[in-house]
Amino acid sequence: MNSVGMLRTNKNPLILARSVAYVCQHYQIDFFYFSPEDVDIKNKKINAQFFEKGKWIRKTVDYPCVVDNEPMKSVNKELYASLKEKAILTTNPIGGKSKVFRLLENSHLFEDVLIPYVLVEKPDDVLLFLNKYNKILLKPVFSSQGRNIIVIEQLGDVYRLMNDSIATDYSYEELISIMKSNYLKPTYICQPFIETKTKDGSPFDIRLHVRKNENGKWQKVKIYPRIGLGKNITSNISQGGGISPIVPFLQSNFGEEWRKIKDKLEHLCKSFPNRFESLYNYNLDALGIDLGVDSKGNIGLFEVNTYPGQQFFYAEDAEVRVAYYRYLLQLK
């Protein structure tokens, strides 16, 4: 039986699950949706939801061959261990930002995109970067969706702290006090601030969304800019940003250089995932690679995410996602 279960903490299937169900039906893959509460670990049974004739129908089934899982929460550790006895889990962890950047730096494989960084352990770590680069960015090691990111800029004797909504000036003494109070715990990463703004002054980044396909090889799903509408720093969609088709966006903001930048992005879609996966001793299934592009067309790596979102392109994501199921099920 070629069965795939989609495991999510949300009790009700959403658009992605329905999109995946349609594609699985085309390939005659038994697909169902379930949440942790649906699993009977003792008897290895699942009270699963199947999409039939436009409705989700409950059926009790055995563990599937493949589980399309979200990153594990510690409360579900026993459940994931039980599923792994019978099934292949698609999504494996890559670690927090500090681990990822340390791996990238130590590998010497990413000089083409790596932005210098330091793990903030004391105020001096920030001050040294500030003296060197004049404008720096702080972001939490364990964070997602662009939350709690700040920029610090030195303007003579004044230190300007900016988040997405406000900018406030402080003295040196006030800056040290704020650093000690707010930015040593939880752990933060400090990087030089890369100015990536549209012509109208909105912050943006470029997301490379890649997945494994039916041959177990990395494939581009989507390249798209994320634009921070009305924001100072972040461009994350969940924080009120928007997206655009990549070609008109590059043409509008980079003029005659747009094609060179597009070629670089396409090349990174092909070269980056294999380099990145080589840093781990287990398989990865998908990556969201976030890049900055400055006014001169230089590209820098902001962040690498496993389990990237697929809002606005569910169908494209579902097609490649199911292609990887087929590979795992040896249906290619």
C-alpha atoms as a PDB file:
ATOM      1  CA  MET A   1       0.000   0.000   0.000  1.00  0.00           C
ATOM      2  CA  ASN A   2       1.459   3.362  -1.073  1.00  0.00           C
ATOM      3  CA  SER A   3       0.217   5.632   1.687  1.00  0.00           C
ATOM      4  CA  VAL A   4       1.198   9.125   2.772  1.00  0.00           C
ATOM      5  CA  GLY A   5      -0.011  10.942   5.868  1.00  0.00           C
ATOM      6  CA  MET A   6       0.266  14.692   6.401  1.00  0.00           C
ATOM      7  CA  LEU A   7       0.910  15.433  10.080  1.00  0.00           C
ATOM      8  CA  ARG A   8       0.109  18.936  11.337  1.00  0.00           C
ATOM      9  CA  THR A   9      -0.760  20.311  14.790  1.00  0.00           C
ATOM     10  CA  ASN A  10      -3.786  22.055  13.269  1.00  0.00           C
ATOM     11  CA  LYS A  11      -6.736  19.697  13.739  1.00  0.00           C
ATOM     12  CA  ASN A  12      -8.429  20.698  10.475  1.00  0.00           C
ATOM     13  CA  PRO A  13      -6.912  20.260   6.976  1.00  0.00           C
ATOM     14  CA  LEU A  14      -6.253  23.545   5.197  1.00  0.00           C
ATOM     15  CA  ILE A  15      -5.629  24.556   1.555  1.00  0.00           C
ATOM     16  CA  LEU A  16      -2.260  22.785   1.249  1.00  0.00           C
ATOM     17  CA  ALA A  17      -3.691  19.441   2.395  1.00  0.00           C
ATOM     18  CA  ARG A  18      -6.536  19.699  -0.102  1.00  0.00           C
ATOM     19  CA  SER A  19      -4.134  20.626  -2.922  1.00  0.00           C
ATOM     20  CA  VAL A  20      -1.873  17.695  -2.073  1.00  0.00           C
ATOM     21  CA  ALA A  21      -4.874  15.343  -1.865  1.00  0.00           C
ATOM     22  CA  TYR A  22      -5.896  16.212  -5.445  1.00  0.00           C
ATOM     23  CA  VAL A  23      -2.395  15.554  -6.803  1.00  0.00           C
ATOM     24  CA  CYS A  24      -2.098  12.300  -4.837  1.00  0.00           C
ATOM     25  CA  GLN A  25      -5.393  11.083  -6.290  1.00  0.00           C
ATOM     26  CA  HIS A  26      -3.952  11.608  -9.772  1.00  0.00           C
ATOM     27  CA  TYR A  27      -1.001   9.327  -8.918  1.00  0.00           C
ATOM     28  CA  GLN A  28      -3.166   6.812  -7.017  1.00  0.00           C
ATOM     29  CA  ILE A  29      -1.421   7.497  -3.723  1.00  0.00           C
ATOM     30  CA  ASP A  30      -3.516   6.951  -0.578  1.00  0.00           C
ATOM     31  CA  PHE A  31      -3.245  10.310   1.150  1.00  0.00           C
ATOM     32  CA  PHE A  32      -4.695  11.332   4.488  1.00  0.00           C
ATOM     33  CA  TYR A  33      -4.408  14.115   7.031  1.00  0.00           C
ATOM     34  CA  PHE A  34      -3.937  13.738  10.771  1.00  0.00           C
ATOM     35  CA  SER A  35      -2.912  15.633  13.903  1.00  0.00           C
ATOM     36  CA  PRO A  36      -1.114  14.333  17.027  1.00  0.00           C
ATOM     37  CA  GLU A  37      -4.442  13.809  18.833  1.00  0.00           C
ATOM     38  CA  ASP A  38      -5.517  11.387  16.083  1.00  0.00           C
ATOM     39  CA  VAL A  39      -2.740   8.860  16.798  1.00  0.00           C
ATOM     40  CA  ASP A  40      -3.106   5.763  18.978  1.00  0.00           C
ATOM     41  CA  ILE A  41       0.569   5.051  19.690  1.00  0.00           C
ATOM     42  CA  LYS A  42      -0.130   1.872  21.647  1.00  0.00           C
ATOM     43  CA  ASN A  43      -1.934   0.167  18.746  1.00  0.00           C
ATOM     44  CA  LYS A  44      -0.170   2.126  15.979  1.00  0.00           C
ATOM     45  CA  LYS A  45      -3.457   3.319  14.501  1.00  0.00           C
ATOM     46  CA  ILE A  46      -4.533   6.728  13.183  1.00  0.00           C
ATOM     47  CA  ASN A  47      -8.007   8.276  13.106  1.00  0.00           C
ATOM     48  CA  ALA A  48      -7.224   9.842   9.732  1.00  0.00           C
ATOM     49  CA  GLN A  49      -9.067  12.238   7.426  1.00  0.00           C
ATOM     50  CA  PHE A  50      -9.364  11.297   3.743  1.00  0.00           C
ATOM     51  CA  PHE A  51     -10.509  13.745   1.054  1.00  0.00           C
ATOM     52  CA  GLU A  52     -13.334  12.040  -0.854  1.00  0.00           C
ATOM     53  CA  LYS A  53     -15.886  13.674  -3.177  1.00  0.00           C
ATOM     54  CA  GLY A  54     -15.017  17.143  -1.898  1.00  0.00           C
ATOM     55  CA  LYS A  55     -15.259  16.288   1.814  1.00  0.00           C
ATOM     56  CA  TRP A  56     -12.908  15.103   4.563  1.00  0.00           C
ATOM     57  CA  ILE A  57     -13.994  11.673   5.821  1.00  0.00           C
ATOM     58  CA  ARG A  58     -12.647   9.944   8.964  1.00  0.00           C
ATOM     59  CA  LYS A  59     -11.210   6.413   8.731  1.00  0.00           C
ATOM     60  CA  THR A  60      -9.036   4.389  11.107  1.00  0.00           C
ATOM     61  CA  VAL A  61      -5.835   3.252   9.377  1.00  0.00           C
ATOM     62  CA  ASP A  62      -2.355   1.886  10.060  1.00  0.00           C
ATOM     63  CA  TYR A  63       0.729   4.090  10.070  1.00  0.00           C
ATOM     64  CA  PRO A  64       1.555   5.259   6.506  1.00  0.00           C
ATOM     65  CA  CYS A  65       4.732   4.586   4.499  1.00  0.00           C
ATOM     66  CA  VAL A  66       5.599   8.307   4.415  1.00  0.00           C
ATOM     67  CA  VAL A  67       4.730  11.127   6.826  1.00  0.00           C
ATOM     68  CA  ASP A  68       4.804  14.711   5.556  1.00  0.00           C
ATOM     69  CA  ASN A  69       5.567  16.273   8.928  1.00  0.00           C
ATOM     70  CA  GLU A  70       6.006  19.733  10.329  1.00  0.00           C
ATOM     71  CA  PRO A  71       9.086  20.378  12.536  1.00  0.00           C
ATOM     72  CA  MET A  72       8.704  18.417  15.751  1.00  0.00           C
ATOM     73  CA  LYS A  73       7.583  20.120  18.947  1.00  0.00           C
ATOM     74  CA  SER A  74       9.119  18.592  22.085  1.00  0.00           C
ATOM     75  CA  VAL A  75       5.674  17.604  23.388  1.00  0.00           C
ATOM     76  CA  ASN A  76       5.319  15.239  20.390  1.00  0.00           C
ATOM     77  CA  LYS A  77       8.717  13.546  20.736  1.00  0.00           C
ATOM     78  CA  GLU A  78       7.214  10.140  21.612  1.00  0.00           C
ATOM     79  CA  LEU A  79       4.774  10.335  18.691  1.00  0.00           C
ATOM     80  CA  TYR A  80       7.514  11.116  16.171  1.00  0.00           C
ATOM     81  CA  ALA A  81       9.691   8.288  17.500  1.00  0.00           C
ATOM     82  CA  SER A  82       6.763   5.882  17.112  1.00  0.00           C
ATOM     83  CA  LEU A  83       6.029   7.009  13.534  1.00  0.00           C
ATOM     84  CA  LYS A  84       9.700   6.663  12.571  1.00  0.00           C
ATOM     85  CA  GLU A  85       9.551   2.944  13.378  1.00  0.00           C
ATOM     86  CA  LYS A  86       7.220   2.436  10.405  1.00  0.00           C
ATOM     87  CA  ALA A  87       7.401   5.519   8.203  1.00  0.00           C
ATOM     88  CA  ILE A  88       9.824   7.869   6.481  1.00  0.00           C
ATOM     89  CA  LEU A  89       9.422  11.404   7.848  1.00  0.00           C
ATOM     90  CA  THR A  90      10.017  14.033   5.173  1.00  0.00           C
ATOM     91  CA  THR A  91      11.128  17.055   7.229  1.00  0.00           C
ATOM     92  CA  ASN A  92      14.292  17.005   9.332  1.00  0.00           C
ATOM     93  CA  PRO A  93      15.604  19.873  11.501  1.00  0.00           C
ATOM     94  CA  ILE A  94      18.484  22.128  10.435  1.00  0.00           C
ATOM     95  CA  GLY A  95      18.975  23.873  13.795  1.00  0.00           C
ATOM     96  CA  GLY A  96      18.739  27.491  14.881  1.00  0.00           C
ATOM     97  CA  LYS A  97      20.304  30.443  13.079  1.00  0.00           C
ATOM     98  CA  SER A  98      23.573  30.299  15.050  1.00  0.00           C
ATOM     99  CA  LYS A  99      24.101  26.612  14.225  1.00  0.00           C
ATOM    100  CA  VAL A 100      23.255  27.173  10.562  1.00  0.00           C
ATOM    101  CA  PHE A 101      25.607  30.139  10.164  1.00  0.00           C
ATOM    102  CA  ARG A 102      28.385  28.314  12.031  1.00  0.00           C
ATOM    103  CA  LEU A 103      28.047  25.345   9.665  1.00  0.00           C
ATOM    104  CA  LEU A 104      28.033  27.660   6.654  1.00  0.00           C
ATOM    105  CA  GLU A 105      31.106  29.529   7.855  1.00  0.00           C
ATOM    106  CA  ASN A 106      33.118  26.439   8.824  1.00  0.00           C
ATOM    107  CA  SER A 107      32.406  24.675   5.528  1.00  0.00           C
ATOM    108  CA  HIS A 108      34.000  27.458   3.391  1.00  0.00           C
ATOM    109  CA  LEU A 109      31.464  26.542   0.670  1.00  0.00           C
ATOM    110  CA  PHE A 110      29.402  29.713   0.815  1.00  0.00           C
ATOM    111  CA  GLU A 111      31.772  32.651   0.382  1.00  0.00           C
ATOM    112  CA  ASP A 112      29.646  33.763  -2.584  1.00  0.00           C
ATOM    113  CA  VAL A 113      26.678  34.667  -0.357  1.00  0.00           C
ATOM    114  CA  LEU A 114      27.690  34.542   3.322  1.00  0.00           C
ATOM    115  CA  ILE A 115      27.291  37.782   5.298  1.00  0.00           C
ATOM    116  CA  PRO A 116      29.637  38.168   8.327  1.00  0.00           C
ATOM    117  CA  TYR A 117      27.967  37.523  11.680  1.00  0.00           C
ATOM    118  CA  VAL A 118      28.671  37.218  15.390  1.00  0.00           C
ATOM    119  CA  LEU A 119      26.717  35.470  18.126  1.00  0.00           C
ATOM    120  CA  VAL A 120      25.857  38.153  20.687  1.00  0.00           C
ATOM    121  CA  GLU A 121      27.140  37.178  24.127  1.00  0.00           C
ATOM    122  CA  LYS A 122      27.980  40.661  25.464  1.00  0.00           C
ATOM    123  CA  PRO A 123      27.391  44.294  24.387  1.00  0.00           C
ATOM    124  CA  ASP A 124      30.939  44.528  23.017  1.00  0.00           C
ATOM    125  CA  ASP A 125      30.049  41.957  20.336  1.00  0.00           C
ATOM    126  CA  VAL A 126      27.522  44.438  18.947  1.00  0.00           C
ATOM    127  CA  LEU A 127      29.723  47.512  19.448  1.00  0.00           C
ATOM    128  CA  LEU A 128      32.633  45.986  17.509  1.00  0.00           C
ATOM    129  CA  PHE A 129      30.359  45.282  14.536  1.00  0.00           C
ATOM    130  CA  LEU A 130      28.800  48.716  14.860  1.00  0.00           C
ATOM    131  CA  ASN A 131      32.228  50.389  14.757  1.00  0.00           C
ATOM    132  CA  LYS A 132      33.169  48.363  11.700  1.00  0.00           C
ATOM    133  CA  TYR A 133      29.946  48.581   9.682  1.00  0.00           C
ATOM    134  CA  ASN A 134      28.139  51.610  11.186  1.00  0.00           C
ATOM    135  CA  LYS A 135      24.728  49.977  10.710  1.00  0.00           C
ATOM    136  CA  ILE A 136      23.957  46.477  11.996  1.00  0.00           C
ATOM    137  CA  LEU A 137      21.023  44.093  12.303  1.00  0.00           C
ATOM    138  CA  LEU A 138      20.086  41.949  15.315  1.00  0.00           C
ATOM    139  CA  LYS A 139      17.806  38.933  14.999  1.00  0.00           C
ATOM    140  CA  PRO A 140      16.946  36.143  17.469  1.00  0.00           C
ATOM    141  CA  VAL A 141      18.569  32.749  16.944  1.00  0.00           C
ATOM    142  CA  PHE A 142      15.241  30.965  17.380  1.00  0.00           C
ATOM    143  CA  SER A 143      12.660  33.047  15.590  1.00  0.00           C
ATOM    144  CA  SER A 144      10.609  32.927  12.448  1.00  0.00           C
ATOM    145  CA  GLN A 145       8.441  35.175  10.306  1.00  0.00           C
ATOM    146  CA  GLY A 146      10.634  38.228  10.823  1.00  0.00           C
ATOM    147  CA  ARG A 147       9.767  38.786  14.489  1.00  0.00           C
ATOM    148  CA  ASN A 148      11.886  40.784  16.985  1.00  0.00           C
ATOM    149  CA  ILE A 149      14.411  42.029  14.422  1.00  0.00           C
ATOM    150  CA  ILE A 150      16.030  45.402  15.078  1.00  0.00           C
ATOM    151  CA  VAL A 151      18.556  47.632  13.304  1.00  0.00           C
ATOM    152  CA  ILE A 152      21.095  49.815  15.127  1.00  0.00           C
ATOM    153  CA  GLU A 153      22.773  52.710  13.349  1.00  0.00           C
ATOM    154  CA  GLN A 154      25.479  54.987  14.762  1.00  0.00           C
ATOM    155  CA  LEU A 155      24.958  58.667  13.953  1.00  0.00           C
ATOM    156  CA  GLY A 156      27.840  60.498  15.638  1.00  0.00           C
ATOM    157  CA  ASP A 157      27.212  60.267  19.382  1.00  0.00           C
ATOM    158  CA  VAL A 158      23.661  59.017  18.856  1.00  0.00           C
ATOM    159  CA  TYR A 159      22.559  55.383  18.401  1.00  0.00           C
ATOM    160  CA  ARG A 160      19.334  54.896  16.468  1.00  0.00           C
ATOM    161  CA  LEU A 161      17.359  51.688  17.128  1.00  0.00           C
ATOM    162  CA  MET A 162      14.720  50.771  14.558  1.00  0.00           C
ATOM    163  CA  ASN A 163      12.106  48.067  14.439  1.00  0.00           C
ATOM    164  CA  ASP A 164       9.409  47.725  11.799  1.00  0.00           C
ATOM    165  CA  SER A 165       7.310  50.564  13.154  1.00  0.00           C
ATOM    166  CA  ILE A 166       9.455  53.103  15.033  1.00  0.00           C
ATOM    167  CA  ALA A 167      12.962  54.560  15.258  1.00  0.00           C
ATOM    168  CA  THR A 168      14.309  55.868  18.581  1.00  0.00           C
ATOM    169  CA  ASP A 169      17.615  57.612  19.368  1.00  0.00           C
ATOM    170  CA  TYR A 170      19.700  56.721  22.441  1.00  0.00           C
ATOM    171  CA  SER A 171      22.981  57.725  24.067  1.00  0.00           C
ATOM    172  CA  TYR A 172      25.878  55.287  24.392  1.00  0.00           C
ATOM    173  CA  GLU A 173      25.011  54.569  28.032  1.00  0.00           C
ATOM    174  CA  GLU A 174      21.357  53.986  27.166  1.00  0.00           C
ATOM    175  CA  LEU A 175      22.337  51.647  24.326  1.00  0.00           C
ATOM    176  CA  ILE A 176      24.481  49.511  26.671  1.00  0.00           C
ATOM    177  CA  SER A 177      21.633  49.318  29.170  1.00  0.00           C
ATOM    178  CA  ILE A 178      19.138  48.294  26.463  1.00  0.00           C
ATOM    179  CA  MET A 179      21.539  45.675  25.120  1.00  0.00           C
ATOM    180  CA  LYS A 180      21.967  44.105  28.566  1.00  0.00           C
ATOM    181  CA  SER A 181      18.234  44.164  29.258  1.00  0.00           C
ATOM    182  CA  ASN A 182      16.836  42.963  25.937  1.00  0.00           C
ATOM    183  CA  TYR A 183      19.348  41.475  23.506  1.00  0.00           C
ATOM    184  CA  LEU A 184      21.490  38.966  25.385  1.00  0.00           C
ATOM    185  CA  LYS A 185      18.679  36.539  26.212  1.00  0.00           C
ATOM    186  CA  PRO A 186      17.254  34.966  24.140  1.00  0.00           C
ATOM    187  CA  THR A 187      20.356  34.685  22.021  1.00  0.00           C
ATOM    188  CA  TYR A 188      20.741  37.067  19.085  1.00  0.00           C
ATOM    189  CA  ILE A 189      22.871  37.112  15.951  1.00  0.00           C
ATOM    190  CA  CYS A 190      24.479  40.375  14.816  1.00  0.00           C
ATOM    191  CA  GLN A 191      25.238  41.114  11.140  1.00  0.00           C
ATOM    192  CA  PRO A 192      26.106  44.169   9.046  1.00  0.00           C
ATOM    193  CA  PHE A 193      22.891  45.673   7.700  1.00  0.00           C
ATOM    194  CA  ILE A 194      22.504  45.044   3.973  1.00  0.00           C
ATOM    195  CA  GLU A 195      20.374  47.796   2.419  1.00  0.00           C
ATOM    196  CA  THR A 196      17.801  45.966   0.317  1.00  0.00           C
ATOM    197  CA  LYS A 197      15.062  48.426  -0.526  1.00  0.00           C
ATOM    198  CA  THR A 198      12.836  48.995  -3.502  1.00  0.00           C
ATOM    199  CA  LYS A 199      12.978  52.286  -5.386  1.00  0.00           C
ATOM    200  CA  ASP A 200      10.113  53.564  -3.254  1.00  0.00           C
ATOM    201  CA  GLY A 201      11.971  52.702  -0.031  1.00  0.00           C
ATOM    202  CA  SER A 202      10.222  49.476   1.040  1.00  0.00           C
ATOM    203  CA  PRO A 203      12.418  46.678   2.456  1.00  0.00           C
ATOM    204  CA  PHE A 204      12.469  43.414   0.505  1.00  0.00           C
ATOM    205  CA  ASP A 205      14.199  40.087   0.288  1.00  0.00           C
ATOM    206  CA  ILE A 206      14.190  37.322  -2.312  1.00  0.00           C
ATOM    207  CA  ARG A 207      12.937  33.882  -1.337  1.00  0.00           C
ATOM    208  CA  LEU A 208      14.214  30.832  -3.226  1.00  0.00           C
ATOM    209  CA  HIS A 209      11.705  28.058  -2.526  1.00  0.00           C
ATOM    210  CA  VAL A 210      13.171  24.660  -3.462  1.00  0.00           C
ATOM    211  CA  ARG A 211      12.050  21.054  -2.955  1.00  0.00           C
ATOM    212  CA  LYS A 212      13.147  17.526  -3.763  1.00  0.00           C
ATOM    213  CA  ASN A 213      11.394  16.025  -6.804  1.00  0.00           C
ATOM    214  CA  GLU A 214      10.501  12.562  -8.144  1.00  0.00           C
ATOM    215  CA  ASN A 215      14.204  11.794  -8.685  1.00  0.00           C
ATOM    216  CA  GLY A 216      15.184  12.869  -5.191  1.00  0.00           C
ATOM    217  CA  LYS A 217      16.914  15.913  -6.718  1.00  0.00           C
ATOM    218  CA  TRP A 218      16.486  19.557  -5.780  1.00  0.00           C
ATOM    219  CA  GLN A 219      14.073  21.537  -7.926  1.00  0.00           C
ATOM    220  CA  LYS A 220      13.008  25.182  -7.971  1.00  0.00           C
ATOM    221  CA  VAL A 221       9.395  25.698  -6.955  1.00  0.00           C
ATOM    222  CA  LYS A 222       9.354  29.495  -6.918  1.00  0.00           C
ATOM    223  CA  ILE A 223      11.618  32.541  -6.825  1.00  0.00           C
ATOM    224  CA  TYR A 224       9.794  35.581  -5.510  1.00  0.00           C
ATOM    225  CA  PRO A 225      10.476  38.893  -3.767  1.00  0.00           C
ATOM    226  CA  ARG A 226       8.816  39.577  -0.422  1.00  0.00           C
ATOM    227  CA  ILE A 227       8.173  43.275   0.097  1.00  0.00           C
ATOM    228  CA  GLY A 228       7.632  44.905   3.494  1.00  0.00           C
ATOM    229  CA  LEU A 229       4.648  47.158   2.920  1.00  0.00           C
ATOM    230  CA  GLY A 230       4.840  50.083   5.339  1.00  0.00           C
ATOM    231  CA  LYS A 231       7.719  48.477   7.242  1.00  0.00           C
ATOM    232  CA  ASN A 232      11.172  49.727   8.239  1.00  0.00           C
ATOM    233  CA  ILE A 233      13.050  46.410   8.206  1.00  0.00           C
ATOM    234  CA  THR A 234      11.252  43.129   7.570  1.00  0.00           C
ATOM    235  CA  SER A 235       9.559  41.852   4.448  1.00  0.00           C
ATOM    236  CA  ASN A 236       7.942  38.685   5.806  1.00  0.00           C
ATOM    237  CA  ILE A 237       4.469  37.997   4.403  1.00  0.00           C
ATOM    238  CA  SER A 238       3.089  36.969   7.809  1.00  0.00           C
ATOM    239  CA  GLN A 239       4.162  40.364   9.199  1.00  0.00           C
ATOM    240  CA  GLY A 240       2.147  42.309   6.628  1.00  0.00           C
ATOM    241  CA  GLY A 241       4.348  42.038   3.548  1.00  0.00           C
ATOM    242  CA  GLY A 242       3.433  41.195  -0.031  1.00  0.00           C
ATOM    243  CA  ILE A 243       4.964  39.375  -2.991  1.00  0.00           C
ATOM    244  CA  SER A 244       5.505  40.115  -6.671  1.00  0.00           C
ATOM    245  CA  PRO A 245       6.410  38.193  -9.824  1.00  0.00           C
ATOM    246  CA  ILE A 246      10.207  38.165  -9.935  1.00  0.00           C
ATOM    247  CA  VAL A 247      10.871  39.481 -13.475  1.00  0.00           C
ATOM    248  CA  PRO A 248       8.853  42.724 -13.376  1.00  0.00           C
ATOM    249  CA  PHE A 249      10.124  43.333  -9.839  1.00  0.00           C
ATOM    250  CA  LEU A 250      13.768  43.081 -10.938  1.00  0.00           C
ATOM    251  CA  GLN A 251      13.140  45.103 -14.073  1.00  0.00           C
ATOM    252  CA  SER A 252      11.492  47.865 -12.066  1.00  0.00           C
ATOM    253  CA  ASN A 253      14.153  48.063  -9.358  1.00  0.00           C
ATOM    254  CA  PHE A 254      17.408  47.134 -11.122  1.00  0.00           C
ATOM    255  CA  GLY A 255      16.954  48.347 -14.686  1.00  0.00           C
ATOM    256  CA  GLU A 256      19.381  46.858 -17.200  1.00  0.00           C
ATOM    257  CA  GLU A 257      21.039  44.722 -14.494  1.00  0.00           C
ATOM    258  CA  TRP A 258      17.868  42.711 -13.863  1.00  0.00           C
ATOM    259  CA  ARG A 259      18.811  39.742 -16.056  1.00  0.00           C
ATOM    260  CA  LYS A 260      22.227  39.297 -14.405  1.00  0.00           C
ATOM    261  CA  ILE A 261      20.573  39.211 -10.993  1.00  0.00           C
ATOM    262  CA  LYS A 262      17.910  36.769 -12.223  1.00  0.00           C
ATOM    263  CA  ASP A 263      20.650  34.473 -13.602  1.00  0.00           C
ATOM    264  CA  LYS A 264      22.459  34.570 -10.242  1.00  0.00           C
ATOM    265  CA  LEU A 265      19.248  33.638  -8.429  1.00  0.00           C
ATOM    266  CA  GLU A 266      18.550  30.769 -10.847  1.00  0.00           C
ATOM    267  CA  HIS A 267      22.112  29.514 -10.362  1.00  0.00           C
ATOM    268  CA  LEU A 268      21.745  29.616  -6.575  1.00  0.00           C
ATOM    269  CA  CYS A 269      18.522  27.579  -6.842  1.00  0.00           C
ATOM    270  CA  LYS A 270      20.611  24.838  -8.440  1.00  0.00           C
ATOM    271  CA  SER A 271      23.886  25.125  -6.512  1.00  0.00           C
ATOM    272  CA  PHE A 272      22.937  26.164  -2.984  1.00  0.00           C
ATOM    273  CA  PRO A 273      20.658  23.264  -1.869  1.00  0.00           C
ATOM    274  CA  ASN A 274      23.210  20.529  -2.624  1.00  0.00           C
ATOM    275  CA  ARG A 275      25.964  22.477  -0.867  1.00  0.00           C
ATOM    276  CA  PHE A 276      23.713  23.097   2.110  1.00  0.00           C
ATOM    277  CA  GLU A 277      22.436  19.526   2.421  1.00  0.00           C
ATOM    278  CA  SER A 278      26.041  18.252   2.416  1.00  0.00           C
ATOM    279  CA  LEU A 279      26.424  19.868   5.863  1.00  0.00           C
ATOM    280  CA  TYR A 280      23.995  17.313   7.364  1.00  0.00           C
ATOM    281  CA  ASN A 281      24.151  13.537   7.690  1.00  0.00           C
ATOM    282  CA  TYR A 282      20.473  13.120   6.845  1.00  0.00           C
ATOM    283  CA  ASN A 283      18.170  14.145   4.011  1.00  0.00           C
ATOM    284  CA  LEU A 284      16.336  17.436   3.723  1.00  0.00           C
ATOM    285  CA  ASP A 285      13.158  17.794   1.679  1.00  0.00           C
ATOM    286  CA  ALA A 286      12.648  21.552   1.237  1.00  0.00           C
ATOM    287  CA  LEU A 287      14.387  24.865   1.850  1.00  0.00           C
ATOM    288  CA  GLY A 288      13.418  28.513   1.915  1.00  0.00           C
ATOM    289  CA  ILE A 289      16.566  30.496   1.105  1.00  0.00           C
ATOM    290  CA  ASP A 290      16.241  34.214   1.894  1.00  0.00           C
ATOM    291  CA  LEU A 291      18.576  36.600   0.102  1.00  0.00           C
ATOM    292  CA  GLY A 292      19.234  40.320   0.114  1.00  0.00           C
ATOM    293  CA  VAL A 293      20.140  42.209  -3.048  1.00  0.00           C
ATOM    294  CA  ASP A 294      21.716  45.643  -2.629  1.00  0.00           C
ATOM    295  CA  SER A 295      21.501  48.536  -5.084  1.00  0.00           C
ATOM    296  CA  LYS A 296      24.614  47.276  -6.927  1.00  0.00           C
ATOM    297  CA  GLY A 297      23.149  43.805  -7.445  1.00  0.00           C
ATOM    298  CA  ASN A 298      25.316  42.110  -4.784  1.00  0.00           C
ATOM    299  CA  ILE A 299      23.582  39.111  -3.200  1.00  0.00           C
ATOM    300  CA  GLY A 300      23.876  38.153   0.485  1.00  0.00           C
ATOM    301  CA  LEU A 301      22.329  35.318   2.466  1.00  0.00           C
ATOM    302  CA  PHE A 302      19.920  36.421   5.191  1.00  0.00           C
ATOM    303  CA  GLU A 303      18.590  33.075   6.345  1.00  0.00           C
ATOM    304  CA  VAL A 304      17.925  29.419   5.494  1.00  0.00           C
ATOM    305  CA  ASN A 305      14.655  27.814   6.590  1.00  0.00           C
ATOM    306  CA  THR A 306      13.430  24.279   6.445  1.00  0.00           C
ATOM    307  CA  TYR A 307       9.647  23.874   6.130  1.00  0.00           C
ATOM    308  CA  PRO A 308       9.116  26.993   3.986  1.00  0.00           C
ATOM    309  CA  GLY A 309       5.602  28.388   3.528  1.00  0.00           C
ATOM    310  CA  GLN A 310       3.773  28.136   0.213  1.00  0.00           C
ATOM    311  CA  GLN A 311       1.127  30.840   0.487  1.00  0.00           C
ATOM    312  CA  PHE A 312       0.096  32.128  -2.995  1.00  0.00           C
ATOM    313  CA  PHE A 313       1.413  29.036  -4.865  1.00  0.00           C
ATOM    314  CA  TYR A 314      -0.162  25.975  -3.265  1.00  0.00           C
ATOM    315  CA  ALA A 315      -0.585  24.118  -6.569  1.00  0.00           C
ATOM    316  CA  GLU A 316       3.069  24.433  -7.642  1.00  0.00           C
ATOM    317  CA  ASP A 317       4.255  23.382  -4.191  1.00  0.00           C
ATOM    318  CA  ALA A 318       1.835  20.454  -4.031  1.00  0.00           C
ATOM    319  CA  GLU A 319       3.018  19.087  -7.399  1.00  0.00           C
ATOM    320  CA  VAL A 320       6.685  18.969  -6.371  1.00  0.00           C
ATOM    321  CA  ARG A 321       5.822  17.791  -2.852  1.00  0.00           C
ATOM    322  CA  VAL A 322       3.913  14.801  -4.243  1.00  0.00           C
ATOM    323  CA  ALA A 323       6.730  14.132  -6.716  1.00  0.00           C
ATOM    324  CA  TYR A 324       9.013  13.619  -3.697  1.00  0.00           C
ATOM    325  CA  TYR A 325       6.444  11.281  -2.113  1.00  0.00           C
ATOM    326  CA  ARG A 326       6.662   9.211  -5.289  1.00  0.00           C
ATOM    327  CA  TYR A 327      10.426   9.092  -4.960  1.00  0.00           C
ATOM    328  CA  LEU A 328      10.190   8.003  -1.315  1.00  0.00           C
ATOM    329  CA  LEU A 329       7.566   5.412  -2.232  1.00  0.00           C
ATOM    330  CA  GLN A 330       9.795   4.213  -5.082  1.00  0.00           C
ATOM    331  CA  LEU A 331       7.058   4.975  -7.592  1.00  0.00           C
ATOM    332  CA  LYS A 332       9.250   6.952 -10.027  1.00  0.00           C
END
